Structure formats: C-alpha cells, structure tokens
Amino acid sequence: MAHAHKLEIFRGLWKFKSNTQKIWGVLLFLTIVTAIEVVLGIYKPEVLNHTWLDPMEGGFFATLYNIVMSPFIYMKPLNLIFIVLTIVKAYYITWDFMHMRDEKSSLRRMVVWTGVFLICYLIFILLQEGGYVFEVYNTDDALIKRDF
C-alpha cells in the first residue's frame, strides 16, 4: 500500500502534519470523551437521572407510539449520553486506529453498518431485559422478595 494516509479528523476540521500527530490527536479526543463518561458516571447529575418525557395515555395510536418510542424517548438522558459516547468512541477507534478510513468504501460500509446494527440490537435487548428484571425485583407483587 503505497498511498498516503489521510491526516485529518472530524471531516477535515482538525488537520495534522504527520501520522504521529494524528494518533496523538485521536488519543486526546478519546481521552476527553472517556473523561466525560467517567465524570458523569461518578457524579450522576440529578437533572439527567429522570426521564424528560412521560408515556402518552389514551387510544390505540398512543399505545403504538409508546411501544415504538419507549426504548429511546423514555430512557434516562444519562443512559442515552453513555450510549452515544460509547458509539462515538467505537467509531473513532475503528475509523482511525484500525485505518478503516483508508479502505474501500464497500468494506467500510460492510464493517461499520454490521457493527451499528449489532450495537443497536444489543442495546435493545439489554434495555428490554433490564426492564423485565427491574419489574421482577421491584414491584409490589414481585416474584422475588429478597436478594440472596
């Protein structure tokens, strides 16, 4: 492979003079994103710990809307922020450190879209099962009364 690597990130907003500078730039960006995640995980701001919207009530269309939108809209904003920041980190690790930027577009699409689909599927399954486990342990008529 005799072609040169692209030395910019964020669609050309940051440009670097060498590959070493680019690696340090991406590492700095990933460090900042990780620090934001850690700070939010430690302090858990109260304003981000409650859902901003409540489920809609009444009628067939409100029920359909609640079923379709519940995994995303009625989620705590803190959880949504963690999910988005994790996807951003995974994208930049793959895109820059694994040199996916320099591959053919068909290979990039195949790898990236497969990963995006699997991550979305995993998030959906975790949220659905987490809600079920929460209901099993924490409702008034819970099946399990104490944690062993």
Protein backbone atom coordinates (compact mmCIF):
# COMPACT_ATOMS: atom_id res chain seq x y z
CA MET A 1 0.00 0.00 0.00
CA ALA A 2 1.84 2.99 -1.24
CA HIS A 3 -0.92 5.54 -0.81
CA ALA A 4 -0.74 8.19 1.88
CA HIS A 5 -2.96 8.18 4.93
CA LYS A 6 -5.50 10.95 5.39
CA LEU A 7 -4.27 13.22 8.15
CA GLU A 8 -7.47 14.91 9.32
CA ILE A 9 -10.28 14.05 11.68
CA PHE A 10 -13.80 15.41 12.16
CA ARG A 11 -14.26 15.63 8.39
CA GLY A 12 -11.28 17.93 7.95
CA LEU A 13 -11.79 20.27 10.93
CA TRP A 14 -8.52 19.13 12.55
CA LYS A 15 -5.58 18.60 10.21
CA PHE A 16 -2.25 17.10 11.23
CA LYS A 17 1.21 17.16 9.68
CA SER A 18 2.14 13.54 10.36
CA ASN A 19 0.65 10.21 11.34
CA THR A 20 2.16 10.52 14.82
CA GLN A 21 0.39 13.84 15.41
CA LYS A 22 -2.85 12.35 14.16
CA ILE A 23 -2.57 9.39 16.54
CA TRP A 24 -1.98 11.74 19.46
CA GLY A 25 -4.89 13.93 18.36
CA VAL A 26 -7.30 10.99 18.20
CA LEU A 27 -5.96 9.71 21.51
CA LEU A 28 -6.58 13.13 23.08
CA PHE A 29 -10.14 13.18 21.71
CA LEU A 30 -10.85 9.67 23.03
CA THR A 31 -9.35 10.62 26.41
CA ILE A 32 -11.65 13.64 26.65
CA VAL A 33 -14.72 11.53 25.76
CA THR A 34 -13.70 8.91 28.34
CA ALA A 35 -13.16 11.60 30.99
CA ILE A 36 -16.64 12.96 30.32
CA GLU A 37 -18.07 9.45 30.72
CA VAL A 38 -16.18 8.91 33.99
CA VAL A 39 -17.23 12.27 35.46
CA LEU A 40 -20.89 11.67 34.51
CA GLY A 41 -20.66 8.15 35.93
CA ILE A 42 -19.26 9.35 39.25
CA TYR A 43 -21.46 12.40 39.82
CA LYS A 44 -24.66 11.26 38.04
CA PRO A 45 -26.32 14.69 37.74
CA GLU A 46 -29.87 14.64 39.06
CA VAL A 47 -31.23 16.52 36.05
CA LEU A 48 -30.03 13.69 33.76
CA ASN A 49 -31.29 10.89 36.01
CA HIS A 50 -35.03 11.33 35.33
CA THR A 51 -36.89 10.83 32.08
CA TRP A 52 -37.84 14.09 30.42
CA LEU A 53 -40.99 12.75 28.74
CA ASP A 54 -43.73 10.57 30.13
CA PRO A 55 -45.54 7.91 28.10
CA MET A 56 -48.64 9.11 26.25
CA GLU A 57 -52.00 7.97 27.53
CA GLY A 58 -55.16 7.06 25.68
CA GLY A 59 -56.09 5.40 22.45
CA PHE A 60 -54.66 2.94 20.01
CA PHE A 61 -52.17 5.35 18.41
CA ALA A 62 -50.77 6.41 21.80
CA THR A 63 -50.18 2.74 22.59
CA LEU A 64 -48.39 2.20 19.27
CA TYR A 65 -46.33 5.34 19.85
CA ASN A 66 -45.35 4.16 23.33
CA ILE A 67 -44.31 0.72 22.06
CA VAL A 68 -42.18 2.12 19.24
CA MET A 69 -40.58 5.03 21.10
CA SER A 70 -40.21 3.63 24.62
CA PRO A 71 -36.66 2.26 24.29
CA PHE A 72 -35.33 5.69 23.25
CA ILE A 73 -37.59 8.58 24.23
CA TYR A 74 -38.50 7.46 27.74
CA MET A 75 -34.93 6.49 28.61
CA LYS A 76 -32.99 8.42 31.21
CA PRO A 77 -30.89 11.05 29.41
CA LEU A 78 -27.79 9.89 31.30
CA ASN A 79 -28.11 6.40 29.80
CA LEU A 80 -28.62 7.87 26.34
CA ILE A 81 -25.49 10.03 26.76
CA PHE A 82 -23.44 6.97 27.76
CA ILE A 83 -24.71 5.01 24.75
CA VAL A 84 -23.93 7.83 22.30
CA LEU A 85 -20.45 8.48 23.75
CA THR A 86 -19.63 4.76 23.62
CA ILE A 87 -20.66 4.57 19.97
CA VAL A 88 -18.56 7.68 19.19
CA LYS A 89 -15.51 6.10 20.84
CA ALA A 90 -16.01 2.81 19.00
CA TYR A 91 -16.37 4.69 15.71
CA TYR A 92 -13.14 6.66 16.11
CA ILE A 93 -11.18 3.65 17.31
CA THR A 94 -12.27 1.71 14.24
CA TRP A 95 -12.03 4.63 11.83
CA ASP A 96 -8.59 5.93 12.79
CA PHE A 97 -6.68 3.33 14.80
CA MET A 98 -7.78 0.39 12.65
CA HIS A 99 -7.29 2.50 9.47
CA MET A 100 -10.80 1.90 8.19
CA ARG A 101 -10.69 5.39 6.67
CA ASP A 102 -8.13 4.20 4.12
CA GLU A 103 -10.10 1.14 2.94
CA LYS A 104 -12.53 0.86 0.05
CA SER A 105 -15.98 2.25 0.70
CA SER A 106 -17.72 -1.12 0.30
CA LEU A 107 -15.57 -2.72 3.02
CA ARG A 108 -16.09 0.30 5.28
CA ARG A 109 -19.86 0.11 4.88
CA MET A 110 -19.91 -3.62 5.47
CA VAL A 111 -17.90 -3.39 8.70
CA VAL A 112 -19.45 -0.20 10.07
CA TRP A 113 -23.10 -1.00 9.33
CA THR A 114 -22.79 -4.53 10.70
CA GLY A 115 -21.34 -3.11 13.90
CA VAL A 116 -24.01 -0.41 14.13
CA PHE A 117 -26.76 -3.00 13.67
CA LEU A 118 -25.30 -5.31 16.31
CA ILE A 119 -24.78 -2.48 18.81
CA CYS A 120 -28.37 -1.28 18.35
CA TYR A 121 -29.63 -4.84 18.75
CA LEU A 122 -27.57 -5.32 21.92
CA ILE A 123 -28.84 -2.04 23.38
CA PHE A 124 -32.44 -3.01 22.63
CA ILE A 125 -32.04 -6.45 24.24
CA LEU A 126 -30.29 -5.02 27.32
CA LEU A 127 -32.97 -2.39 27.84
CA GLN A 128 -35.81 -4.88 27.41
CA GLU A 129 -34.29 -7.48 29.72
CA GLY A 130 -33.20 -4.84 32.23
CA GLY A 131 -36.76 -3.55 32.42
CA TYR A 132 -38.05 -7.06 32.98
CA VAL A 133 -35.51 -7.80 35.73
CA PHE A 134 -36.34 -4.47 37.39
CA GLU A 135 -40.04 -5.34 37.40
CA VAL A 136 -39.36 -8.83 38.79
CA TYR A 137 -37.40 -7.42 41.73
CA ASN A 138 -39.08 -4.08 42.45
CA THR A 139 -42.87 -4.24 42.01
CA ASP A 140 -45.36 -4.75 44.84
CA ASP A 141 -46.20 -8.27 43.67
CA ALA A 142 -42.57 -9.15 42.85
CA LEU A 143 -41.75 -12.79 42.23
CA ILE A 144 -38.52 -12.48 44.20
CA LYS A 145 -38.84 -10.90 47.62
CA ARG A 146 -35.21 -10.73 48.68
CA ASP A 147 -31.83 -10.71 47.02
CA PHE A 148 -29.60 -13.61 48.04
